[in-house]
N, C-alpha and C. Protein backbone atom coordinates (compact mmCIF):
# COMPACT_ATOMS: atom_id res chain seq x y z
N MET A 1 0.69 -1.09 0.05
CA MET A 1 0.04 -0.14 -0.07
C MET A 1 0.87 1.11 0.23
N PRO A 2 1.18 1.79 -1.08
CA PRO A 2 2.25 2.73 -1.12
C PRO A 2 1.57 4.02 -0.63
N LEU A 3 2.46 5.05 -0.30
CA LEU A 3 1.97 6.08 0.46
C LEU A 3 2.28 7.29 -0.48
N ASP A 4 1.69 8.51 -0.60
CA ASP A 4 2.13 9.61 -1.30
C ASP A 4 0.80 10.49 -0.95
N TYR A 5 1.34 11.17 0.01
CA TYR A 5 0.88 12.36 0.85
C TYR A 5 0.30 13.48 -0.04
N GLY A 6 0.41 13.39 -1.29
CA GLY A 6 -0.27 14.43 -2.33
C GLY A 6 0.64 15.90 -2.11
N ALA A 7 0.10 16.61 -3.03
CA ALA A 7 1.12 17.96 -3.39
C ALA A 7 0.67 18.81 -2.11
N SER A 8 -0.49 18.68 -1.33
CA SER A 8 -0.54 19.48 -0.35
C SER A 8 0.47 19.62 0.94
N ALA A 9 1.22 18.33 1.15
CA ALA A 9 1.94 18.36 2.22
C ALA A 9 3.18 19.04 2.11
N PRO A 10 3.64 19.69 3.10
CA PRO A 10 4.90 20.33 2.80
C PRO A 10 6.14 19.29 2.81
N PRO A 11 7.09 20.14 1.96
CA PRO A 11 8.06 19.03 1.89
C PRO A 11 9.18 19.15 3.04
N LEU A 12 9.68 17.82 3.28
CA LEU A 12 10.52 17.67 4.36
C LEU A 12 11.95 17.58 4.17
N PRO A 13 12.82 17.96 4.96
CA PRO A 13 13.94 17.86 4.37
C PRO A 13 14.25 16.21 4.41
N PRO A 14 15.22 15.97 3.45
CA PRO A 14 15.48 14.35 3.37
C PRO A 14 15.67 13.43 4.36
N GLU A 15 16.71 13.98 5.22
CA GLU A 15 17.15 13.23 6.26
C GLU A 15 15.72 13.04 7.42
N PHE A 16 14.99 13.99 7.41
CA PHE A 16 13.43 13.86 8.43
C PHE A 16 12.48 13.06 7.63
N ALA A 17 12.76 13.23 6.28
CA ALA A 17 11.54 12.20 5.85
C ALA A 17 12.36 10.70 6.07
N ALA A 18 13.37 10.36 5.73
CA ALA A 18 13.91 9.16 6.09
C ALA A 18 13.83 8.50 7.44
N LEU A 19 13.76 9.39 8.57
CA LEU A 19 13.71 9.19 9.79
C LEU A 19 11.97 8.91 9.95
N ALA A 20 11.04 9.78 9.31
CA ALA A 20 10.00 9.72 9.56
C ALA A 20 9.23 8.13 8.96
N GLU A 21 9.80 7.67 7.61
CA GLU A 21 9.60 6.67 6.90
C GLU A 21 10.22 5.42 8.28
N GLN A 22 11.33 5.58 8.59
CA GLN A 22 11.87 4.50 9.90
C GLN A 22 10.67 4.39 10.77
N GLU A 23 10.31 5.37 11.18
CA GLU A 23 9.73 5.32 12.32
C GLU A 23 8.14 4.72 11.78
N ASP A 24 7.76 5.24 10.86
CA ASP A 24 6.35 4.40 10.28
C ASP A 24 6.60 2.92 10.13
N ALA A 25 7.84 2.57 9.77
CA ALA A 25 7.88 1.24 9.35
C ALA A 25 7.95 0.38 10.80
N VAL A 26 8.64 0.93 11.74
CA VAL A 26 8.76 0.33 13.20
C VAL A 26 7.35 0.21 13.88
N VAL A 27 6.70 1.34 13.45
CA VAL A 27 5.13 1.18 14.30
C VAL A 27 4.35 0.04 13.78
N GLY A 28 4.42 0.16 12.20
CA GLY A 28 3.71 -1.00 11.52
C GLY A 28 4.33 -2.21 11.84
N GLU A 29 5.57 -2.47 11.76
CA GLU A 29 5.83 -3.96 12.33
C GLU A 29 5.57 -4.38 13.50
N THR A 30 5.60 -3.27 14.55
CA THR A 30 5.06 -3.59 16.00
C THR A 30 3.56 -4.29 15.88
N LEU A 31 2.70 -3.30 15.09
CA LEU A 31 1.48 -3.66 15.07
C LEU A 31 1.24 -4.82 14.59
N THR A 32 2.13 -5.13 13.45
CA THR A 32 1.82 -6.46 12.54
C THR A 32 1.75 -7.59 13.61
N ALA A 33 2.44 -7.59 14.82
CA ALA A 33 2.54 -8.60 15.83
C ALA A 33 1.21 -8.91 16.23
N VAL A 34 0.60 -7.63 16.69
CA VAL A 34 -0.82 -7.84 17.20
C VAL A 34 -1.87 -8.57 16.28
N VAL A 35 -1.78 -8.58 15.19
CA VAL A 35 -2.41 -9.19 14.00
C VAL A 35 -1.93 -10.84 13.72
N PRO A 36 -2.94 -11.80 14.31
CA PRO A 36 -2.50 -13.12 14.34
C PRO A 36 -2.47 -13.50 12.75
N PRO A 37 -1.68 -14.45 12.47
CA PRO A 37 -1.32 -14.75 11.11
C PRO A 37 -3.03 -15.51 10.75
N PRO A 38 -3.43 -15.39 9.41
CA PRO A 38 -4.33 -15.85 8.96
C PRO A 38 -4.54 -17.47 9.15
N GLU A 39 -6.00 -17.83 9.30
CA GLU A 39 -6.20 -19.29 9.20
C GLU A 39 -5.74 -19.88 8.00
N LYS A 40 -6.17 -19.31 7.02
CA LYS A 40 -5.66 -19.56 5.48
C LYS A 40 -5.55 -18.37 4.75
N PRO A 41 -4.63 -18.10 3.73
CA PRO A 41 -4.39 -16.81 3.25
C PRO A 41 -5.83 -15.96 2.72
N TYR A 42 -5.55 -14.60 3.07
CA TYR A 42 -6.50 -13.63 2.63
C TYR A 42 -6.77 -13.92 1.28
N ASN A 43 -8.00 -13.89 1.23
CA ASN A 43 -8.60 -13.72 -0.67
C ASN A 43 -8.45 -12.09 -1.20
N LYS A 44 -7.85 -12.21 -2.20
CA LYS A 44 -7.12 -11.04 -2.75
C LYS A 44 -8.34 -9.94 -3.46
N LYS A 45 -9.50 -10.27 -3.65
CA LYS A 45 -10.99 -9.54 -3.75
C LYS A 45 -10.95 -8.86 -2.47
N VAL A 46 -10.95 -9.49 -1.20
CA VAL A 46 -11.30 -9.13 0.27
C VAL A 46 -10.06 -7.91 0.69
N MET A 47 -9.07 -8.14 0.28
CA MET A 47 -7.91 -7.65 0.75
C MET A 47 -8.08 -6.01 -0.21
N THR A 48 -8.19 -6.36 -1.45
CA THR A 48 -8.46 -5.14 -2.41
C THR A 48 -9.72 -4.46 -1.82
N ALA A 49 -10.80 -4.56 -1.62
CA ALA A 49 -11.63 -3.93 -1.04
C ALA A 49 -11.23 -3.21 0.44
N LEU A 50 -10.75 -3.93 1.16
CA LEU A 50 -10.08 -3.44 2.39
C LEU A 50 -9.05 -2.39 2.30
N ALA A 51 -8.53 -2.49 1.21
CA ALA A 51 -7.23 -1.44 0.80
C ALA A 51 -8.21 -0.22 0.17
N THR A 52 -8.94 -0.55 -0.70
CA THR A 52 -9.81 0.58 -1.02
C THR A 52 -10.60 1.59 0.14
N ALA A 53 -11.35 0.79 0.91
CA ALA A 53 -11.92 1.27 1.99
C ALA A 53 -10.91 2.15 2.70
N ILE A 54 -9.93 1.76 3.11
CA ILE A 54 -8.76 2.55 3.88
C ILE A 54 -8.43 3.93 3.43
N ALA A 55 -8.34 3.74 2.06
CA ALA A 55 -7.69 4.69 1.18
C ALA A 55 -8.76 5.88 1.25
N GLU A 56 -10.05 5.30 1.16
CA GLU A 56 -11.17 6.38 1.40
C GLU A 56 -11.14 7.29 2.50
N VAL A 57 -10.89 6.52 3.68
CA VAL A 57 -10.88 7.06 5.19
C VAL A 57 -9.55 8.07 4.91
N ALA A 58 -8.47 7.43 4.68
CA ALA A 58 -7.24 8.28 4.34
C ALA A 58 -7.64 9.45 3.76
N SER A 59 -8.13 9.29 2.51
CA SER A 59 -8.41 10.58 1.65
C SER A 59 -9.26 11.71 2.61
N LEU A 60 -10.12 11.35 3.46
CA LEU A 60 -10.67 12.49 4.41
C LEU A 60 -9.81 12.93 5.33
N MET A 61 -8.57 12.37 5.52
CA MET A 61 -7.50 12.90 6.41
C MET A 61 -6.39 13.75 5.34
N GLY A 62 -7.00 13.92 4.16
CA GLY A 62 -5.70 14.49 2.99
C GLY A 62 -4.82 13.70 2.76
N LEU A 63 -4.69 12.41 2.85
CA LEU A 63 -3.73 11.43 2.18
C LEU A 63 -4.26 10.73 1.04
N ASP A 64 -3.39 10.59 0.09
CA ASP A 64 -3.49 9.70 -1.29
C ASP A 64 -2.78 8.68 -1.07
N LEU A 65 -3.25 7.33 -0.60
CA LEU A 65 -2.59 6.16 -0.60
C LEU A 65 -2.22 5.52 -1.89
N GLY A 66 -3.25 5.87 -2.85
CA GLY A 66 -3.28 5.03 -3.83
C GLY A 66 -3.23 3.72 -4.18
N ALA A 67 -4.54 3.28 -3.05
CA ALA A 67 -4.70 1.75 -2.99
C ALA A 67 -4.79 0.77 -4.57
N GLY A 68 -3.82 0.14 -4.23
CA GLY A 68 -3.80 -0.79 -5.60
C GLY A 68 -4.47 -2.17 -5.45
N GLU A 69 -4.39 -2.97 -6.65
CA GLU A 69 -5.20 -4.27 -6.53
C GLU A 69 -4.38 -5.11 -6.32
N TYR A 70 -4.79 -6.09 -5.25
CA TYR A 70 -3.95 -7.35 -5.21
C TYR A 70 -4.15 -8.41 -6.30
N VAL A 71 -3.25 -9.21 -6.67
CA VAL A 71 -3.03 -10.02 -7.62
C VAL A 71 -3.30 -11.47 -7.26
N GLY A 72 -2.84 -11.87 -6.09
CA GLY A 72 -2.97 -13.20 -5.69
C GLY A 72 -3.56 -13.11 -4.10
N SER A 73 -3.73 -14.43 -3.41
CA SER A 73 -3.89 -14.61 -2.27
C SER A 73 -2.71 -13.75 -1.17
N VAL A 74 -3.01 -13.43 -0.22
CA VAL A 74 -2.34 -12.62 0.88
C VAL A 74 -1.87 -13.49 2.03
N GLU A 75 -0.94 -13.90 2.34
CA GLU A 75 -0.30 -14.64 3.64
C GLU A 75 -0.48 -14.05 4.86
N ALA A 76 -0.25 -12.61 4.62
CA ALA A 76 -0.39 -11.81 5.92
C ALA A 76 -0.50 -10.23 5.67
N MET A 77 -1.26 -9.36 6.42
CA MET A 77 -1.20 -8.21 5.89
C MET A 77 0.32 -7.26 5.92
N ASP A 78 0.20 -6.48 5.18
CA ASP A 78 1.74 -5.58 5.48
C ASP A 78 1.31 -4.70 6.15
N PRO A 79 2.70 -4.18 7.06
CA PRO A 79 2.92 -3.30 8.08
C PRO A 79 2.05 -2.00 7.84
N GLU A 80 2.15 -1.41 6.72
CA GLU A 80 1.63 -0.36 6.38
C GLU A 80 -0.16 -0.46 6.41
N MET A 81 -0.49 -1.24 5.75
CA MET A 81 -2.13 -1.48 6.15
C MET A 81 -2.34 -1.57 7.71
N VAL A 82 -1.53 -2.57 8.48
CA VAL A 82 -2.00 -2.83 9.79
C VAL A 82 -1.88 -1.37 10.66
N ARG A 83 -0.94 -0.69 10.35
CA ARG A 83 -1.06 0.83 10.76
C ARG A 83 -1.93 1.91 10.46
N PHE A 84 -2.31 1.50 9.32
CA PHE A 84 -3.72 2.49 9.01
C PHE A 84 -5.03 2.19 9.65
N LEU A 85 -4.95 0.91 9.44
CA LEU A 85 -6.09 0.24 10.20
C LEU A 85 -6.24 0.71 11.76
N ALA A 86 -5.06 0.42 12.51
CA ALA A 86 -4.96 0.71 13.78
C ALA A 86 -5.37 2.42 14.06
N MET A 87 -4.96 3.23 13.24
CA MET A 87 -5.26 4.67 13.05
C MET A 87 -6.87 4.90 12.93
N ILE A 88 -7.33 4.16 12.08
CA ILE A 88 -8.84 4.55 11.97
C ILE A 88 -9.25 3.83 13.12
N SER A 89 -9.10 2.83 13.50
CA SER A 89 -9.69 2.20 14.77
C SER A 89 -9.90 3.07 15.49
N ALA A 90 -8.68 3.89 15.90
CA ALA A 90 -8.67 4.76 16.98
C ALA A 90 -9.47 5.91 16.93
N ALA A 91 -9.41 6.33 15.52
CA ALA A 91 -10.14 7.43 15.38
C ALA A 91 -11.88 6.97 15.26
N ALA A 92 -12.14 5.78 15.27
CA ALA A 92 -13.55 5.32 14.93
C ALA A 92 -13.68 5.13 16.57
N ASP A 93 -13.19 4.84 17.35
CA ASP A 93 -13.30 4.77 18.59
C ASP A 93 -13.77 6.10 19.50
N GLU A 94 -12.62 7.11 19.04
CA GLU A 94 -12.88 8.32 19.71
C GLU A 94 -14.36 9.07 18.98
N TYR A 95 -14.62 8.68 17.75
CA TYR A 95 -15.67 9.30 17.25
C TYR A 95 -17.30 8.61 17.89
N GLY A 96 -16.97 7.34 18.52
CA GLY A 96 -18.10 6.59 19.02
C GLY A 96 -18.57 5.60 18.30
N GLN A 97 -17.84 5.33 17.23
CA GLN A 97 -18.41 4.24 16.78
C GLN A 97 -17.19 3.04 16.29
N PRO A 98 -16.84 2.35 17.27
CA PRO A 98 -15.61 1.64 17.21
C PRO A 98 -15.92 0.23 15.97
N LEU A 99 -14.76 -0.05 15.24
CA LEU A 99 -15.01 -1.21 14.39
C LEU A 99 -15.29 -2.13 15.06
N PRO A 100 -16.16 -3.27 14.39
CA PRO A 100 -16.65 -4.29 14.72
C PRO A 100 -15.48 -5.58 15.25
N VAL A 101 -14.44 -5.49 14.62
CA VAL A 101 -13.42 -6.35 14.84
C VAL A 101 -12.16 -5.68 15.45
N ALA A 102 -11.58 -6.10 16.32
CA ALA A 102 -10.33 -5.49 16.98
C ALA A 102 -9.06 -6.31 16.29
N LEU A 103 -7.97 -5.71 16.18
CA LEU A 103 -6.75 -6.27 15.28
C LEU A 103 -6.29 -7.68 15.88
N GLU A 104 -6.59 -7.53 16.90
CA GLU A 104 -6.00 -9.07 17.75
C GLU A 104 -7.05 -9.92 17.39
N ASP A 105 -8.15 -9.55 17.12
CA ASP A 105 -9.25 -10.63 16.66
C ASP A 105 -9.59 -11.07 14.97
N ILE A 106 -8.69 -10.17 14.34
CA ILE A 106 -8.72 -10.86 12.70
C ILE A 106 -8.54 -12.01 12.67
N LYS A 107 -9.05 -13.14 11.95
CA LYS A 107 -8.72 -14.48 11.74
C LYS A 107 -8.88 -15.04 10.12
N GLY A 108 -9.68 -13.87 9.50
CA GLY A 108 -9.67 -14.43 8.37
C GLY A 108 -10.50 -13.28 7.27
N ASP A 109 -11.14 -13.76 6.16
CA ASP A 109 -11.64 -12.84 5.38
C ASP A 109 -12.79 -12.29 5.95
N ARG A 110 -13.47 -13.22 6.71
CA ARG A 110 -14.96 -12.73 7.34
C ARG A 110 -14.61 -11.48 8.02
N GLU A 111 -13.61 -11.42 8.97
CA GLU A 111 -13.34 -10.40 9.72
C GLU A 111 -13.05 -9.12 8.81
N LEU A 112 -12.13 -9.61 8.04
CA LEU A 112 -11.69 -8.38 7.12
C LEU A 112 -12.98 -7.83 6.39
N THR A 113 -13.93 -8.56 6.10
CA THR A 113 -15.05 -7.84 5.30
C THR A 113 -15.76 -6.96 6.45
N ALA A 114 -16.01 -7.47 7.36
CA ALA A 114 -16.54 -6.73 8.54
C ALA A 114 -16.15 -5.21 8.77
N LEU A 115 -14.58 -5.34 8.81
CA LEU A 115 -13.95 -4.15 9.06
C LEU A 115 -14.17 -3.37 7.57
N THR A 116 -14.01 -4.17 6.74
CA THR A 116 -14.27 -3.08 5.08
C THR A 116 -15.57 -2.47 5.31
N ALA A 117 -16.78 -3.19 5.74
CA ALA A 117 -17.97 -2.37 5.66
C ALA A 117 -18.22 -1.31 6.71
N ALA A 118 -17.51 -1.67 7.89
CA ALA A 118 -17.54 -0.37 8.90
C ALA A 118 -16.78 0.82 8.35
N ILE A 119 -15.63 0.40 7.79
CA ILE A 119 -14.78 1.61 7.42
C ILE A 119 -15.45 2.30 6.03
N LYS A 120 -16.01 1.62 5.10
CA LYS A 120 -16.61 2.22 4.09
C LYS A 120 -17.85 3.28 4.59
N LYS A 121 -18.42 2.79 5.81
CA LYS A 121 -19.64 3.29 6.35
C LYS A 121 -19.17 4.57 6.82
N LEU A 122 -18.11 4.58 7.64
CA LEU A 122 -17.30 5.83 8.31
C LEU A 122 -16.90 6.65 7.11
N ALA A 123 -16.46 6.21 6.14
CA ALA A 123 -15.85 7.00 5.09
C ALA A 123 -16.95 8.02 4.30
N SER A 124 -18.46 7.46 4.30
CA SER A 124 -19.41 8.22 3.83
C SER A 124 -20.01 8.80 4.70
N ASP A 125 -19.62 8.90 5.98
CA ASP A 125 -20.42 9.65 7.07
C ASP A 125 -20.00 11.00 7.28
N ALA A 126 -20.79 12.05 6.76
CA ALA A 126 -20.32 13.36 7.07
C ALA A 126 -19.76 13.82 8.28
N ASP A 127 -20.45 13.44 9.02
CA ASP A 127 -20.24 13.67 10.87
C ASP A 127 -18.95 13.15 10.70
N PHE A 128 -18.55 12.12 10.43
CA PHE A 128 -17.19 11.45 10.76
C PHE A 128 -16.09 12.45 10.09
N GLN A 129 -16.28 12.82 8.86
CA GLN A 129 -15.32 13.64 8.04
C GLN A 129 -15.10 14.88 8.85
N ALA A 130 -16.36 15.41 9.42
CA ALA A 130 -16.24 16.79 10.06
C ALA A 130 -15.33 16.64 11.46
N PHE A 131 -15.70 15.30 12.24
CA PHE A 131 -15.05 15.19 13.52
C PHE A 131 -13.55 14.76 12.98
N LEU A 132 -13.22 14.31 11.87
CA LEU A 132 -11.68 14.38 11.41
C LEU A 132 -11.10 15.95 11.37
N ASP A 133 -11.74 16.68 10.69
CA ASP A 133 -11.65 18.01 10.34
C ASP A 133 -10.85 18.94 11.80
N GLU A 134 -11.77 18.44 12.75
CA GLU A 134 -11.82 19.06 14.03
C GLU A 134 -10.42 19.48 14.58
N GLU A 135 -10.31 20.63 14.86
CA GLU A 135 -8.75 21.14 15.43
C GLU A 135 -8.48 20.17 16.92
N VAL A 136 -7.47 19.67 17.18
CA VAL A 136 -7.22 19.30 18.54
C VAL A 136 -6.68 20.01 19.25
N PRO A 137 -6.97 20.34 20.62
CA PRO A 137 -6.57 21.04 21.40
C PRO A 137 -5.18 20.94 21.97
N ASP A 138 -4.25 21.90 22.09
CA ASP A 138 -3.10 21.51 22.52
C ASP A 138 -3.16 20.52 23.89
N ALA A 139 -2.44 19.57 23.62
CA ALA A 139 -2.33 18.74 25.10
C ALA A 139 -1.50 19.22 26.20
N GLU A 140 -0.71 19.97 25.97
CA GLU A 140 0.28 20.66 26.87
C GLU A 140 -0.16 21.99 27.20
N PRO A 141 0.26 22.69 28.39
CA PRO A 141 -0.11 23.72 28.65
C PRO A 141 0.85 24.65 28.14
N SER A 142 0.58 25.88 27.84
CA SER A 142 1.39 26.83 27.32
C SER A 142 2.62 27.22 28.51
N THR A 143 3.70 27.27 28.17
CA THR A 143 4.81 27.82 28.87
C THR A 143 5.14 29.22 28.54
N GLU A 144 4.83 29.69 27.87
CA GLU A 144 4.92 31.16 27.67
C GLU A 144 4.88 31.99 29.05
N LEU A 145 5.70 33.05 29.47
CA LEU A 145 5.16 33.62 30.31
C LEU A 145 4.75 35.09 29.95
N PRO A 146 4.05 35.73 30.76
CA PRO A 146 3.53 37.09 30.44
C PRO A 146 4.63 38.16 30.32
N ASP A 147 4.60 39.01 29.75
CA ASP A 147 5.50 40.22 29.68
C ASP A 147 5.14 40.97 31.10
N GLU A 148 6.19 41.87 31.47
CA GLU A 148 6.26 42.34 32.60
C GLU A 148 4.61 43.24 32.54
N GLY A 149 4.48 43.77 31.60
CA GLY A 149 3.33 44.79 31.30
C GLY A 149 2.15 44.32 31.36
N GLU A 150 2.12 42.92 31.02
CA GLU A 150 0.82 42.31 31.20
C GLU A 150 0.41 41.76 32.37
N MET A 151 0.96 41.75 33.45
CA MET A 151 0.64 41.28 34.56
C MET A 151 -0.44 41.66 35.26
N THR A 152 -1.73 41.14 35.48
CA THR A 152 -2.67 41.83 35.65
C THR A 152 -3.29 41.74 37.04
N GLU A 153 -2.53 40.55 37.90
CA GLU A 153 -2.98 40.16 38.97
C GLU A 153 -2.48 41.17 40.12
N GLU A 154 -3.35 41.51 41.08
CA GLU A 154 -2.87 42.74 41.87
C GLU A 154 -2.62 41.76 43.24
N VAL A 155 -1.46 42.28 43.61
CA VAL A 155 -1.03 41.61 45.06
C VAL A 155 -1.55 42.74 46.40
N GLU A 156 -2.18 42.28 46.86
CA GLU A 156 -2.97 42.99 48.02
C GLU A 156 -1.87 42.75 49.42
N GLU A 157 -1.47 43.83 49.58
CA GLU A 157 -0.91 44.23 50.78
C GLU A 157 -1.49 43.76 52.13
N PHE A 158 -0.84 43.28 52.97
CA PHE A 158 -1.34 42.97 54.10
C PHE A 158 -0.65 44.19 55.18
N ASP A 159 -1.62 44.22 55.96
CA ASP A 159 -1.42 45.39 56.99
C ASP A 159 -1.08 44.58 58.23
N PHE A 160 0.27 44.63 58.56
CA PHE A 160 0.39 43.98 60.02
C PHE A 160 0.09 44.83 61.31
N ALA A 161 0.23 45.87 60.98
CA ALA A 161 0.03 47.01 61.97
C ALA A 161 -1.40 46.91 62.32
N ALA A 162 -2.53 46.62 61.41
CA ALA A 162 -3.63 46.68 61.81
C ALA A 162 -4.22 45.51 62.39
N ARG A 163 -3.36 44.54 62.27
CA ARG A 163 -3.83 43.02 62.77
C ARG A 163 -3.40 43.08 64.32
N MET A 164 -2.65 43.90 64.42
CA MET A 164 -1.81 43.95 65.92
C MET A 164 -2.59 44.83 66.95
N ARG A 165 -3.75 45.53 66.68
CA ARG A 165 -4.67 46.37 67.35
C ARG A 165 -5.78 45.74 67.90
């Protein structure tokens, strides 16, 4: 499943692009270990349909995956597909419509067909697209300090002499 982030993606310096690709590969390989080997090879039509559904949701995220067609049975999902499945699963969970099958429960074509149907439903859901377009609030608090002139908190002076009377 080749990645093409399209013309809208800002160009990265080559060394950063290489590091990002390496990190994506590590994440994909790690997630691939979560998906058990299929009981029998995946059907090429089922895999092609799943890749197309994943590409549809990815396009909502501004990514052009260029989903290709599988030509033969597939012994195992490639790491990139598993990575995108995990990403879509996380987004579906946050949206409130979790995918019907967890990655670790994929056993064969039946589970992939259920995932494909759910992903296609999400891809055509206008509210899901709006959910993906929402801006994510900053997770970390701002570390900027106000300028001296911006200090608005008034410090109340304590009158010790009045207390002693």
